Amino acid sequence: MVNVNTRIAQVLNRLPLLVQRGGVIVNRVVPNMLMYVNLYSKDKNTDMKYLSNFSGVNMMPELQRLNGIGRASILGSR
């Protein structure tokens, strides 16, 4: 963890000003997939791109706010 913080401090001043203002967040992640969520629609007009966008806008922010979630991602995103 100390090595990571040292490395971030070394490159932080090279980042664009907007990124520096927003800040850099570092999270420890255990790379285990503990849960999968399948999203589907019975509507024939709904394609995979729509479902991917829907999950990215409506579901991902909520999942990422949950305590204990290190990372949430969309597999096979379009």
C-alpha atoms as a PDB file:
ATOM      1  CA  MET A   1       0.000   0.000   0.000  1.00  0.00           C
ATOM      2  CA  VAL A   2       2.869   2.372   0.786  1.00  0.00           C
ATOM      3  CA  ASN A   3       4.437   1.630  -2.606  1.00  0.00           C
ATOM      4  CA  VAL A   4       1.171   2.425  -4.363  1.00  0.00           C
ATOM      5  CA  ASN A   5       0.775   5.733  -2.507  1.00  0.00           C
ATOM      6  CA  THR A   6       4.376   6.672  -3.283  1.00  0.00           C
ATOM      7  CA  ARG A   7       3.902   5.889  -6.953  1.00  0.00           C
ATOM      8  CA  ILE A   8       0.694   7.942  -7.116  1.00  0.00           C
ATOM      9  CA  ALA A   9       2.407  10.906  -5.475  1.00  0.00           C
ATOM     10  CA  GLN A  10       5.178  10.704  -8.105  1.00  0.00           C
ATOM     11  CA  VAL A  11       2.814  10.943 -11.081  1.00  0.00           C
ATOM     12  CA  LEU A  12       0.010  13.073  -9.667  1.00  0.00           C
ATOM     13  CA  ASN A  13       1.546  16.351 -10.837  1.00  0.00           C
ATOM     14  CA  ARG A  14       1.714  15.002 -14.415  1.00  0.00           C
ATOM     15  CA  LEU A  15      -2.040  14.495 -14.583  1.00  0.00           C
ATOM     16  CA  PRO A  16      -4.288  17.144 -16.165  1.00  0.00           C
ATOM     17  CA  LEU A  17      -5.510  19.859 -13.815  1.00  0.00           C
ATOM     18  CA  LEU A  18      -9.125  18.671 -13.986  1.00  0.00           C
ATOM     19  CA  VAL A  19      -8.077  15.196 -12.861  1.00  0.00           C
ATOM     20  CA  GLN A  20      -5.990  16.639 -10.027  1.00  0.00           C
ATOM     21  CA  ARG A  21      -8.969  18.707  -8.849  1.00  0.00           C
ATOM     22  CA  GLY A  22     -11.259  15.684  -8.957  1.00  0.00           C
ATOM     23  CA  GLY A  23      -8.739  13.608  -7.067  1.00  0.00           C
ATOM     24  CA  VAL A  24      -7.456  10.086  -7.434  1.00  0.00           C
ATOM     25  CA  ILE A  25      -9.154   7.285  -5.518  1.00  0.00           C
ATOM     26  CA  VAL A  26      -7.365   4.003  -4.907  1.00  0.00           C
ATOM     27  CA  ASN A  27      -9.279   0.960  -3.707  1.00  0.00           C
ATOM     28  CA  ARG A  28      -7.988  -2.425  -2.692  1.00  0.00           C
ATOM     29  CA  VAL A  29      -9.762  -5.081  -4.734  1.00  0.00           C
ATOM     30  CA  VAL A  30      -9.876  -8.829  -4.328  1.00  0.00           C
ATOM     31  CA  PRO A  31     -10.262 -10.169  -7.867  1.00  0.00           C
ATOM     32  CA  ASN A  32     -13.009 -12.691  -7.145  1.00  0.00           C
ATOM     33  CA  MET A  33     -16.294 -12.737  -8.957  1.00  0.00           C
ATOM     34  CA  LEU A  34     -18.792 -13.340  -6.219  1.00  0.00           C
ATOM     35  CA  MET A  35     -21.969 -12.391  -8.044  1.00  0.00           C
ATOM     36  CA  TYR A  36     -23.344 -12.231 -11.555  1.00  0.00           C
ATOM     37  CA  VAL A  37     -26.497 -10.435 -12.565  1.00  0.00           C
ATOM     38  CA  ASN A  38     -28.140 -11.286 -15.875  1.00  0.00           C
ATOM     39  CA  LEU A  39     -30.310  -8.639 -17.436  1.00  0.00           C
ATOM     40  CA  TYR A  40     -32.834  -9.480 -20.127  1.00  0.00           C
ATOM     41  CA  SER A  41     -36.053  -8.172 -21.604  1.00  0.00           C
ATOM     42  CA  LYS A  42     -39.078  -9.972 -22.984  1.00  0.00           C
ATOM     43  CA  ASP A  43     -39.669  -7.005 -25.285  1.00  0.00           C
ATOM     44  CA  LYS A  44     -38.440  -7.911 -28.789  1.00  0.00           C
ATOM     45  CA  ASN A  45     -37.627  -4.253 -29.544  1.00  0.00           C
ATOM     46  CA  THR A  46     -35.070  -4.086 -26.727  1.00  0.00           C
ATOM     47  CA  ASP A  47     -31.598  -4.972 -27.962  1.00  0.00           C
ATOM     48  CA  MET A  48     -28.363  -5.700 -26.098  1.00  0.00           C
ATOM     49  CA  LYS A  49     -27.062  -2.168 -26.573  1.00  0.00           C
ATOM     50  CA  TYR A  50     -30.154  -0.736 -24.860  1.00  0.00           C
ATOM     51  CA  LEU A  51     -29.808  -3.174 -21.952  1.00  0.00           C
ATOM     52  CA  SER A  52     -26.111  -2.368 -21.600  1.00  0.00           C
ATOM     53  CA  ASN A  53     -26.828   1.372 -21.528  1.00  0.00           C
ATOM     54  CA  PHE A  54     -29.717   0.879 -19.109  1.00  0.00           C
ATOM     55  CA  SER A  55     -27.579  -1.109 -16.692  1.00  0.00           C
ATOM     56  CA  GLY A  56     -24.719   1.398 -16.949  1.00  0.00           C
ATOM     57  CA  VAL A  57     -26.972   4.359 -16.181  1.00  0.00           C
ATOM     58  CA  ASN A  58     -29.450   2.874 -13.711  1.00  0.00           C
ATOM     59  CA  MET A  59     -27.840  -0.135 -12.041  1.00  0.00           C
ATOM     60  CA  MET A  60     -24.084   0.387 -11.911  1.00  0.00           C
ATOM     61  CA  PRO A  61     -24.092   3.586  -9.806  1.00  0.00           C
ATOM     62  CA  GLU A  62     -26.339   1.904  -7.235  1.00  0.00           C
ATOM     63  CA  LEU A  63     -24.206  -1.243  -7.102  1.00  0.00           C
ATOM     64  CA  GLN A  64     -20.990   0.756  -6.729  1.00  0.00           C
ATOM     65  CA  ARG A  65     -22.418   2.634  -3.736  1.00  0.00           C
ATOM     66  CA  LEU A  66     -22.992  -0.552  -1.762  1.00  0.00           C
ATOM     67  CA  ASN A  67     -20.689  -1.021   1.189  1.00  0.00           C
ATOM     68  CA  GLY A  68     -18.138  -3.758   0.533  1.00  0.00           C
ATOM     69  CA  ILE A  69     -18.279  -3.563  -3.274  1.00  0.00           C
ATOM     70  CA  GLY A  70     -14.754  -3.073  -4.566  1.00  0.00           C
ATOM     71  CA  ARG A  71     -15.606  -3.015  -8.237  1.00  0.00           C
ATOM     72  CA  ALA A  72     -18.649  -3.578 -10.389  1.00  0.00           C
ATOM     73  CA  SER A  73     -18.349  -3.972 -14.137  1.00  0.00           C
ATOM     74  CA  ILE A  74     -20.435  -4.900 -17.133  1.00  0.00           C
ATOM     75  CA  LEU A  75     -19.197  -8.049 -18.813  1.00  0.00           C
ATOM     76  CA  GLY A  76     -19.691  -8.077 -22.553  1.00  0.00           C
ATOM     77  CA  SER A  77     -20.656  -4.422 -22.616  1.00  0.00           C
ATOM     78  CA  ARG A  78     -21.695  -3.026 -25.980  1.00  0.00           C
END
